[in-house]
Amino acid sequence: MTKTPLAIALLAAGLALAACTPSDETPAAHSAADRAEGHSRSSAGLPPGNGEAGQKLATTKNAETGQACVDCHGAGGNAPIDATYPKLGGQYHDYIAHSLQLYRDGDRENALMSAQAKKLTDQQISDVAAYFSEQPTKLRDMHGLD
């Protein structure tokens, strides 16, 4: 008789896992094509980044937009030209990488950032994220502010 509750619990767990398993559909219209090109869906699946290569990418103007990362985010990612643009210097590698993946794959929208990230490879994303994460941080939290 004690096996029945265990069997029910295992069945419920199995059904819950089956319901959470993603289907073959992707959330954005062109994400499937991006992933078919070998793009990773998670920053955990990216290759190791190279900060020097990332610096070259961050300071080179994008052919599509005519902008480089530092044109908007400032030198080292610490001096954005607009208060609404994030400071990237010292930010976590995974945060930057995942954000760029989302822009590239169409799962996060911004007119400039989507165009900037559209043709980035996983290696380039990891390199740019490595560069900005290695910079001194000027990030601060809201602790102690009125």
N, C-alpha and C. Protein backbone atom coordinates (compact mmCIF):
# COMPACT_ATOMS: atom_id res chain seq x y z
N MET A 1 0.81 -1.20 0.00
CA MET A 1 0.00 0.00 0.00
C MET A 1 0.85 1.26 0.00
N THR A 2 2.06 1.21 0.56
CA THR A 2 2.93 2.40 0.60
C THR A 2 3.55 2.70 -0.76
N LYS A 3 3.47 1.75 -1.69
CA LYS A 3 4.02 1.98 -3.02
C LYS A 3 3.11 2.87 -3.86
N THR A 4 1.84 2.92 -3.56
CA THR A 4 0.90 3.72 -4.34
C THR A 4 1.22 5.21 -4.27
N PRO A 5 1.43 5.81 -3.08
CA PRO A 5 1.77 7.24 -3.06
C PRO A 5 3.07 7.53 -3.81
N LEU A 6 4.06 6.63 -3.70
CA LEU A 6 5.31 6.83 -4.41
C LEU A 6 5.09 6.76 -5.92
N ALA A 7 4.29 5.84 -6.38
CA ALA A 7 3.99 5.71 -7.80
C ALA A 7 3.26 6.94 -8.32
N ILE A 8 2.33 7.45 -7.54
CA ILE A 8 1.58 8.65 -7.93
C ILE A 8 2.52 9.84 -7.99
N ALA A 9 3.42 9.97 -7.02
CA ALA A 9 4.37 11.08 -7.00
C ALA A 9 5.31 11.01 -8.20
N LEU A 10 5.78 9.82 -8.54
CA LEU A 10 6.65 9.66 -9.70
C LEU A 10 5.92 9.96 -11.00
N LEU A 11 4.68 9.52 -11.10
CA LEU A 11 3.87 9.81 -12.28
C LEU A 11 3.65 11.31 -12.42
N ALA A 12 3.32 11.98 -11.33
CA ALA A 12 3.10 13.43 -11.36
C ALA A 12 4.38 14.16 -11.76
N ALA A 13 5.51 13.74 -11.22
CA ALA A 13 6.78 14.37 -11.58
C ALA A 13 7.09 14.16 -13.06
N GLY A 14 6.85 12.97 -13.55
CA GLY A 14 7.08 12.68 -14.97
C GLY A 14 6.21 13.53 -15.87
N LEU A 15 4.93 13.69 -15.51
CA LEU A 15 4.03 14.52 -16.31
C LEU A 15 4.44 15.98 -16.26
N ALA A 16 4.88 16.45 -15.10
CA ALA A 16 5.32 17.84 -14.97
C ALA A 16 6.54 18.10 -15.84
N LEU A 17 7.48 17.18 -15.84
CA LEU A 17 8.67 17.34 -16.68
C LEU A 17 8.32 17.29 -18.15
N ALA A 18 7.43 16.43 -18.53
CA ALA A 18 7.02 16.34 -19.93
C ALA A 18 6.34 17.62 -20.38
N ALA A 19 5.56 18.23 -19.50
CA ALA A 19 4.87 19.47 -19.84
C ALA A 19 5.84 20.62 -19.99
N CYS A 20 6.97 20.58 -19.29
CA CYS A 20 7.96 21.66 -19.34
C CYS A 20 8.98 21.48 -20.45
N THR A 21 9.02 20.35 -21.07
CA THR A 21 9.99 20.10 -22.12
C THR A 21 9.66 20.95 -23.32
N PRO A 22 10.65 21.75 -23.83
CA PRO A 22 10.36 22.62 -24.96
C PRO A 22 10.06 21.83 -26.22
N SER A 23 9.18 22.38 -27.03
CA SER A 23 8.85 21.75 -28.31
C SER A 23 9.89 22.16 -29.34
N ASP A 24 9.70 21.79 -30.58
CA ASP A 24 10.62 22.16 -31.64
C ASP A 24 10.47 23.61 -32.06
N GLU A 25 9.45 24.30 -31.55
CA GLU A 25 9.23 25.68 -31.93
C GLU A 25 10.19 26.58 -31.19
N THR A 26 10.55 27.71 -31.82
CA THR A 26 11.42 28.69 -31.20
C THR A 26 10.64 29.97 -31.00
N PRO A 27 11.02 30.79 -30.00
CA PRO A 27 10.21 31.95 -29.66
C PRO A 27 10.21 33.07 -30.70
N ALA A 28 11.29 33.26 -31.44
CA ALA A 28 11.33 34.34 -32.41
C ALA A 28 11.37 33.78 -33.82
N ALA A 29 10.85 34.53 -34.76
CA ALA A 29 10.70 34.05 -36.13
C ALA A 29 12.02 33.60 -36.75
N HIS A 30 13.12 34.30 -36.49
CA HIS A 30 14.36 33.91 -37.13
C HIS A 30 15.33 33.20 -36.18
N SER A 31 14.91 32.88 -34.98
CA SER A 31 15.79 32.18 -34.05
C SER A 31 16.16 30.79 -34.55
N ALA A 32 15.24 30.09 -35.19
CA ALA A 32 15.53 28.74 -35.67
C ALA A 32 16.67 28.76 -36.67
N ALA A 33 16.66 29.74 -37.57
CA ALA A 33 17.73 29.84 -38.56
C ALA A 33 19.05 30.15 -37.88
N ASP A 34 19.02 31.06 -36.90
CA ASP A 34 20.25 31.38 -36.17
C ASP A 34 20.80 30.15 -35.49
N ARG A 35 19.92 29.40 -34.86
CA ARG A 35 20.38 28.22 -34.15
C ARG A 35 20.84 27.14 -35.13
N ALA A 36 20.25 27.11 -36.33
CA ALA A 36 20.69 26.15 -37.34
C ALA A 36 22.11 26.46 -37.80
N GLU A 37 22.51 27.74 -37.67
CA GLU A 37 23.88 28.13 -38.02
C GLU A 37 24.86 27.78 -36.91
N GLY A 38 24.38 27.17 -35.85
CA GLY A 38 25.26 26.75 -34.77
C GLY A 38 25.33 27.72 -33.62
N HIS A 39 24.47 28.73 -33.59
CA HIS A 39 24.49 29.68 -32.49
C HIS A 39 23.99 29.02 -31.22
N SER A 40 24.66 29.32 -30.12
CA SER A 40 24.26 28.79 -28.82
C SER A 40 23.04 29.54 -28.31
N ARG A 41 22.20 28.87 -27.54
CA ARG A 41 21.02 29.50 -26.95
C ARG A 41 21.31 30.05 -25.57
N SER A 42 22.43 29.68 -24.99
CA SER A 42 22.74 30.07 -23.62
C SER A 42 24.18 30.55 -23.54
N SER A 43 24.43 31.52 -22.66
CA SER A 43 25.81 31.99 -22.49
C SER A 43 26.69 30.88 -21.94
N ALA A 44 26.10 29.88 -21.30
CA ALA A 44 26.87 28.75 -20.79
C ALA A 44 27.45 27.90 -21.92
N GLY A 45 26.86 27.98 -23.11
CA GLY A 45 27.34 27.20 -24.24
C GLY A 45 28.35 27.92 -25.11
N LEU A 46 28.74 29.13 -24.71
CA LEU A 46 29.68 29.90 -25.52
C LEU A 46 31.11 29.45 -25.31
N PRO A 47 31.96 29.64 -26.33
CA PRO A 47 33.38 29.34 -26.15
C PRO A 47 34.01 30.38 -25.22
N PRO A 48 35.19 30.10 -24.69
CA PRO A 48 35.86 31.10 -23.84
C PRO A 48 36.12 32.38 -24.64
N GLY A 49 35.98 33.52 -23.98
CA GLY A 49 36.18 34.80 -24.63
C GLY A 49 37.62 35.27 -24.55
N ASN A 50 38.00 36.12 -25.50
CA ASN A 50 39.33 36.72 -25.55
C ASN A 50 39.15 38.22 -25.48
N GLY A 51 39.60 38.82 -24.38
CA GLY A 51 39.42 40.25 -24.17
C GLY A 51 40.07 41.12 -25.23
N GLU A 52 41.25 40.74 -25.72
CA GLU A 52 41.92 41.53 -26.75
C GLU A 52 41.12 41.52 -28.06
N ALA A 53 40.63 40.35 -28.44
CA ALA A 53 39.79 40.26 -29.63
C ALA A 53 38.50 41.05 -29.43
N GLY A 54 37.97 41.00 -28.21
CA GLY A 54 36.75 41.74 -27.89
C GLY A 54 36.96 43.24 -27.97
N GLN A 55 38.12 43.71 -27.56
CA GLN A 55 38.42 45.14 -27.65
C GLN A 55 38.42 45.60 -29.10
N LYS A 56 39.01 44.79 -29.97
CA LYS A 56 39.02 45.13 -31.40
C LYS A 56 37.59 45.23 -31.94
N LEU A 57 36.75 44.27 -31.56
CA LEU A 57 35.35 44.29 -32.01
C LEU A 57 34.61 45.48 -31.43
N ALA A 58 34.84 45.78 -30.16
CA ALA A 58 34.11 46.85 -29.48
C ALA A 58 34.48 48.23 -30.00
N THR A 59 35.64 48.36 -30.63
CA THR A 59 36.10 49.66 -31.13
C THR A 59 36.05 49.77 -32.65
N THR A 60 35.56 48.72 -33.31
CA THR A 60 35.43 48.71 -34.78
C THR A 60 33.99 48.99 -35.16
N LYS A 61 33.80 49.91 -36.10
CA LYS A 61 32.45 50.26 -36.53
C LYS A 61 31.79 49.10 -37.27
N ASN A 62 30.54 48.84 -36.94
CA ASN A 62 29.73 47.81 -37.56
C ASN A 62 29.33 48.26 -38.96
N ALA A 63 29.50 47.42 -39.96
CA ALA A 63 29.17 47.77 -41.34
C ALA A 63 27.68 48.08 -41.52
N GLU A 64 26.83 47.41 -40.74
CA GLU A 64 25.37 47.61 -40.86
C GLU A 64 24.92 48.95 -40.27
N THR A 65 25.49 49.32 -39.11
CA THR A 65 25.00 50.49 -38.38
C THR A 65 25.95 51.68 -38.43
N GLY A 66 27.21 51.44 -38.77
CA GLY A 66 28.19 52.51 -38.75
C GLY A 66 28.61 52.90 -37.34
N GLN A 67 28.26 52.08 -36.35
CA GLN A 67 28.57 52.37 -34.95
C GLN A 67 29.45 51.27 -34.37
N ALA A 68 30.28 51.64 -33.42
CA ALA A 68 31.03 50.68 -32.62
C ALA A 68 30.41 50.67 -31.23
N CYS A 69 30.65 49.63 -30.48
CA CYS A 69 30.10 49.53 -29.11
C CYS A 69 30.45 50.78 -28.29
N VAL A 70 31.73 51.20 -28.40
CA VAL A 70 32.19 52.32 -27.57
C VAL A 70 31.61 53.66 -28.02
N ASP A 71 31.05 53.72 -29.23
CA ASP A 71 30.42 54.97 -29.68
C ASP A 71 29.23 55.33 -28.79
N CYS A 72 28.53 54.33 -28.30
CA CYS A 72 27.36 54.58 -27.45
C CYS A 72 27.64 54.32 -25.97
N HIS A 73 28.43 53.26 -25.69
CA HIS A 73 28.67 52.87 -24.30
C HIS A 73 29.90 53.52 -23.70
N GLY A 74 30.70 54.21 -24.53
CA GLY A 74 31.87 54.94 -24.06
C GLY A 74 33.10 54.05 -23.91
N ALA A 75 34.21 54.72 -23.68
CA ALA A 75 35.49 54.02 -23.51
C ALA A 75 35.39 53.01 -22.38
N GLY A 76 35.80 51.79 -22.65
CA GLY A 76 35.75 50.74 -21.64
C GLY A 76 34.34 50.39 -21.19
N GLY A 77 33.34 50.94 -21.89
CA GLY A 77 31.95 50.66 -21.53
C GLY A 77 31.48 51.43 -20.31
N ASN A 78 32.23 52.48 -19.92
CA ASN A 78 31.92 53.19 -18.68
C ASN A 78 31.44 54.62 -18.86
N ALA A 79 31.22 55.07 -20.09
CA ALA A 79 30.80 56.45 -20.30
C ALA A 79 29.74 56.53 -21.40
N PRO A 80 28.55 56.00 -21.13
CA PRO A 80 27.50 56.02 -22.15
C PRO A 80 27.15 57.44 -22.57
N ILE A 81 26.79 57.60 -23.85
CA ILE A 81 26.44 58.93 -24.35
C ILE A 81 25.05 59.36 -23.91
N ASP A 82 24.28 58.44 -23.38
CA ASP A 82 22.92 58.73 -22.93
C ASP A 82 22.71 57.99 -21.61
N ALA A 83 22.04 58.63 -20.68
CA ALA A 83 21.83 58.03 -19.36
C ALA A 83 21.01 56.75 -19.41
N THR A 84 20.27 56.54 -20.49
CA THR A 84 19.47 55.32 -20.59
C THR A 84 20.27 54.14 -21.14
N TYR A 85 21.50 54.38 -21.61
CA TYR A 85 22.35 53.30 -22.13
C TYR A 85 23.12 52.71 -20.96
N PRO A 86 23.23 51.40 -20.89
CA PRO A 86 23.90 50.79 -19.74
C PRO A 86 25.41 50.93 -19.77
N LYS A 87 25.99 50.99 -18.58
CA LYS A 87 27.43 50.89 -18.44
C LYS A 87 27.77 49.41 -18.51
N LEU A 88 28.73 49.07 -19.35
CA LEU A 88 29.10 47.68 -19.54
C LEU A 88 30.40 47.31 -18.85
N GLY A 89 31.24 48.29 -18.56
CA GLY A 89 32.53 48.02 -17.93
C GLY A 89 32.35 47.34 -16.58
N GLY A 90 33.00 46.18 -16.41
CA GLY A 90 32.92 45.45 -15.15
C GLY A 90 31.65 44.63 -14.97
N GLN A 91 30.77 44.67 -15.96
CA GLN A 91 29.53 43.89 -15.88
C GLN A 91 29.87 42.40 -16.03
N TYR A 92 29.03 41.54 -15.51
CA TYR A 92 29.25 40.10 -15.62
C TYR A 92 29.30 39.66 -17.08
N HIS A 93 30.28 38.81 -17.39
CA HIS A 93 30.44 38.25 -18.74
C HIS A 93 29.13 37.61 -19.21
N ASP A 94 28.54 36.77 -18.35
CA ASP A 94 27.33 36.05 -18.75
C ASP A 94 26.17 36.99 -19.07
N TYR A 95 26.06 38.09 -18.32
CA TYR A 95 24.98 39.04 -18.56
C TYR A 95 25.13 39.70 -19.93
N ILE A 96 26.35 40.16 -20.23
CA ILE A 96 26.59 40.80 -21.52
C ILE A 96 26.39 39.80 -22.65
N ALA A 97 26.97 38.63 -22.50
CA ALA A 97 26.87 37.61 -23.55
C ALA A 97 25.42 37.21 -23.80
N HIS A 98 24.67 36.96 -22.74
CA HIS A 98 23.28 36.54 -22.92
C HIS A 98 22.46 37.66 -23.56
N SER A 99 22.69 38.89 -23.16
CA SER A 99 21.97 40.01 -23.77
C SER A 99 22.26 40.09 -25.26
N LEU A 100 23.53 39.95 -25.64
CA LEU A 100 23.88 40.00 -27.06
C LEU A 100 23.26 38.83 -27.83
N GLN A 101 23.21 37.66 -27.21
CA GLN A 101 22.56 36.51 -27.86
C GLN A 101 21.08 36.80 -28.11
N LEU A 102 20.42 37.38 -27.12
CA LEU A 102 19.00 37.68 -27.27
C LEU A 102 18.77 38.70 -28.38
N TYR A 103 19.60 39.75 -28.44
CA TYR A 103 19.48 40.73 -29.53
C TYR A 103 19.74 40.06 -30.87
N ARG A 104 20.78 39.26 -30.96
CA ARG A 104 21.13 38.60 -32.22
C ARG A 104 20.00 37.70 -32.72
N ASP A 105 19.41 36.94 -31.80
CA ASP A 105 18.41 35.95 -32.18
C ASP A 105 17.01 36.52 -32.31
N GLY A 106 16.84 37.81 -32.03
CA GLY A 106 15.53 38.43 -32.16
C GLY A 106 14.61 38.19 -30.97
N ASP A 107 15.17 37.69 -29.86
CA ASP A 107 14.36 37.43 -28.67
C ASP A 107 14.32 38.65 -27.74
N ARG A 108 15.10 39.67 -28.07
CA ARG A 108 15.10 40.95 -27.34
C ARG A 108 15.22 42.02 -28.41
N GLU A 109 14.40 43.05 -28.32
CA GLU A 109 14.35 44.05 -29.38
C GLU A 109 14.88 45.42 -28.95
N ASN A 110 15.70 45.99 -29.80
CA ASN A 110 16.15 47.37 -29.69
C ASN A 110 16.67 47.71 -31.08
N ALA A 111 16.22 48.81 -31.64
CA ALA A 111 16.55 49.14 -33.03
C ALA A 111 18.05 49.10 -33.30
N LEU A 112 18.85 49.70 -32.46
CA LEU A 112 20.29 49.73 -32.70
C LEU A 112 20.96 48.43 -32.28
N MET A 113 20.65 47.94 -31.09
CA MET A 113 21.34 46.74 -30.58
C MET A 113 21.02 45.49 -31.40
N SER A 114 19.81 45.37 -31.88
CA SER A 114 19.46 44.22 -32.71
C SER A 114 20.30 44.21 -33.98
N ALA A 115 20.46 45.39 -34.60
CA ALA A 115 21.28 45.49 -35.81
C ALA A 115 22.76 45.27 -35.50
N GLN A 116 23.21 45.77 -34.34
CA GLN A 116 24.62 45.60 -33.95
C GLN A 116 24.96 44.12 -33.76
N ALA A 117 24.06 43.38 -33.16
CA ALA A 117 24.35 42.00 -32.77
C ALA A 117 23.96 40.97 -33.83
N LYS A 118 23.20 41.38 -34.82
CA LYS A 118 22.59 40.45 -35.78
C LYS A 118 23.57 39.45 -36.39
N LYS A 119 24.77 39.87 -36.74
CA LYS A 119 25.70 38.98 -37.44
C LYS A 119 26.84 38.49 -36.55
N LEU A 120 26.75 38.72 -35.25
CA LEU A 120 27.81 38.27 -34.35
C LEU A 120 27.79 36.75 -34.21
N THR A 121 28.96 36.16 -34.22
CA THR A 121 29.08 34.72 -33.96
C THR A 121 29.14 34.50 -32.45
N ASP A 122 29.00 33.26 -32.03
CA ASP A 122 29.14 32.95 -30.61
C ASP A 122 30.51 33.39 -30.10
N GLN A 123 31.56 33.17 -30.89
CA GLN A 123 32.91 33.55 -30.46
C GLN A 123 33.02 35.06 -30.29
N GLN A 124 32.48 35.82 -31.23
CA GLN A 124 32.53 37.28 -31.14
C GLN A 124 31.76 37.79 -29.92
N ILE A 125 30.62 37.19 -29.66
CA ILE A 125 29.84 37.59 -28.48
C ILE A 125 30.65 37.33 -27.22
N SER A 126 31.27 36.17 -27.14
CA SER A 126 32.06 35.84 -25.96
C SER A 126 33.26 36.77 -25.83
N ASP A 127 33.88 37.15 -26.95
CA ASP A 127 35.03 38.05 -26.92
C ASP A 127 34.63 39.45 -26.44
N VAL A 128 33.53 39.99 -26.97
CA VAL A 128 33.07 41.32 -26.55
C VAL A 128 32.69 41.30 -25.07
N ALA A 129 32.01 40.25 -24.65
CA ALA A 129 31.63 40.13 -23.23
C ALA A 129 32.88 40.03 -22.35
N ALA A 130 33.91 39.31 -22.82
CA ALA A 130 35.15 39.20 -22.06
C ALA A 130 35.81 40.57 -21.93
N TYR A 131 35.87 41.31 -23.01
CA TYR A 131 36.49 42.65 -22.98
C TYR A 131 35.80 43.55 -21.96
N PHE A 132 34.49 43.69 -22.08
CA PHE A 132 33.79 44.61 -21.17
C PHE A 132 33.82 44.11 -19.73
N SER A 133 33.74 42.82 -19.52
CA SER A 133 33.76 42.31 -18.14
C SER A 133 35.12 42.49 -17.48
N GLU A 134 36.18 42.61 -18.27
CA GLU A 134 37.54 42.80 -17.74
C GLU A 134 37.84 44.27 -17.43
N GLN A 135 36.99 45.18 -17.85
CA GLN A 135 37.24 46.60 -17.63
C GLN A 135 36.92 46.98 -16.18
N PRO A 136 37.59 48.04 -15.69
CA PRO A 136 37.24 48.52 -14.34
C PRO A 136 35.76 48.91 -14.32
N THR A 137 35.12 48.66 -13.22
CA THR A 137 33.69 48.95 -13.14
C THR A 137 33.41 50.34 -12.59
N LYS A 138 32.41 50.95 -13.13
CA LYS A 138 31.85 52.18 -12.56
C LYS A 138 30.38 51.94 -12.26
N LEU A 139 30.03 50.65 -12.15
CA LEU A 139 28.67 50.28 -11.78
C LEU A 139 28.47 50.54 -10.31
N ARG A 140 27.27 50.86 -9.95
CA ARG A 140 26.93 51.00 -8.53
C ARG A 140 25.49 50.58 -8.35
N ASP A 141 25.21 50.13 -7.14
CA ASP A 141 23.83 49.76 -6.86
C ASP A 141 23.13 50.95 -6.23
N MET A 142 21.90 50.78 -5.91
CA MET A 142 21.09 51.87 -5.37
C MET A 142 21.18 51.95 -3.85
N HIS A 143 22.00 51.11 -3.25
CA HIS A 143 22.13 51.09 -1.80
C HIS A 143 22.64 52.43 -1.28
N GLY A 144 21.95 53.00 -0.34
CA GLY A 144 22.36 54.23 0.29
C GLY A 144 21.93 55.49 -0.44
N LEU A 145 21.22 55.35 -1.57
CA LEU A 145 20.74 56.53 -2.29
C LEU A 145 19.34 56.86 -1.80
N ASP A 146 19.07 58.13 -1.75
CA ASP A 146 17.74 58.59 -1.33
C ASP A 146 16.75 58.46 -2.45
